[in-house]
Protein backbone atom coordinates (compact mmCIF):
# COMPACT_ATOMS: atom_id res chain seq x y z
CA MET A 1 57.65 79.80 103.34
CA ARG A 2 58.63 83.24 102.10
CA HIS A 3 57.20 84.40 98.79
CA GLN A 4 60.03 85.37 96.44
CA THR A 5 59.28 88.53 94.49
CA ALA A 6 60.68 89.41 91.09
CA GLU A 7 62.88 91.97 92.82
CA ASP A 8 64.27 89.27 95.15
CA ASP A 9 64.90 87.01 92.15
CA LEU A 10 66.76 89.80 90.38
CA ARG A 11 68.83 90.57 93.47
CA ASP A 12 69.75 86.88 93.86
CA SER A 13 70.64 86.58 90.20
CA LEU A 14 72.81 89.70 90.31
CA SER A 15 74.60 88.43 93.40
CA MET A 16 75.37 85.09 91.74
CA TYR A 17 76.61 86.89 88.61
CA GLU A 18 78.86 89.20 90.62
CA ASP A 19 80.32 86.25 92.55
CA LEU A 20 80.98 84.38 89.30
CA VAL A 21 82.67 87.30 87.55
CA ALA A 22 84.70 88.24 90.62
CA THR A 23 86.23 84.77 90.82
CA MET A 24 86.79 84.03 87.12
CA PRO A 25 90.38 83.16 86.20
CA VAL A 26 90.32 85.67 83.32
CA GLY A 27 90.22 89.44 83.21
CA VAL A 28 86.68 90.78 82.87
CA PHE A 29 85.75 94.39 82.27
CA ARG A 30 82.85 96.51 81.11
CA PHE A 31 83.78 99.47 78.92
CA THR A 32 81.05 101.88 77.82
CA MET A 33 80.51 105.30 76.31
CA ARG A 34 78.76 107.91 78.43
CA ALA A 35 75.99 110.10 77.02
CA THR A 36 78.65 112.84 76.77
CA GLY A 37 80.67 110.70 74.35
CA GLU A 38 83.38 109.97 76.90
CA TRP A 39 84.54 106.40 77.42
CA GLN A 40 84.72 104.75 80.82
CA PHE A 41 85.32 101.44 82.53
CA ASP A 42 82.24 100.59 84.63
CA PHE A 43 83.73 97.41 86.04
CA VAL A 44 87.00 95.48 86.19
CA ASN A 45 87.43 92.27 88.16
CA SER A 46 90.38 91.42 90.38
CA ARG A 47 91.93 89.18 87.73
CA PHE A 48 91.93 92.06 85.21
CA CYS A 49 93.88 94.10 87.75
CA ALA A 50 96.28 91.25 88.46
CA LEU A 51 96.93 90.61 84.75
CA THR A 52 97.45 94.27 83.89
CA GLY A 53 99.16 95.35 87.11
CA LEU A 54 96.71 98.23 87.34
CA ASN A 55 94.81 99.52 90.36
CA ARG A 56 91.02 99.12 90.08
CA ASP A 57 90.28 102.69 91.21
CA ASP A 58 92.80 104.13 88.74
CA VAL A 59 91.13 102.31 85.84
CA LEU A 60 87.58 103.16 86.94
CA ASN A 61 88.46 106.83 87.46
CA ASP A 62 90.31 107.29 84.14
CA HIS A 63 90.20 104.81 81.25
CA GLU A 64 93.43 106.25 79.86
CA ASN A 65 95.31 104.47 82.66
CA ALA A 66 94.41 101.13 81.10
CA PHE A 67 95.36 102.32 77.62
CA LEU A 68 98.87 103.22 78.78
CA ILE A 69 99.82 99.53 79.00
CA ILE A 70 98.99 98.88 75.33
CA PRO A 71 102.17 98.96 73.21
CA PRO A 72 102.05 101.92 70.78
CA ASP A 73 102.36 99.63 67.76
CA ASP A 74 99.29 97.65 68.92
CA PHE A 75 97.12 100.64 69.79
CA PRO A 76 95.57 101.23 66.32
CA ALA A 77 94.47 97.57 66.12
CA PHE A 78 93.09 97.75 69.64
CA ILE A 79 91.05 100.88 68.90
CA SER A 80 89.62 99.35 65.74
CA LEU A 81 88.03 96.49 67.72
């Protein structure tokens, strides 16, 4: 029997989490601020891309691409979240 280390447990847990999020029927994303003060998407799942019609690489490379689909009248409310 193989002894499971804490690192193995963490790797297994992360794998299960990634599988769960990747297959969820809702859009999932992680949006953070860098140390420089710039905003970025760290992660978007396939469903997020399907719902928004956006390409994953375009969103991850420039968060403004995702903001372009928000109607101008809704943008102030979105930013205030």
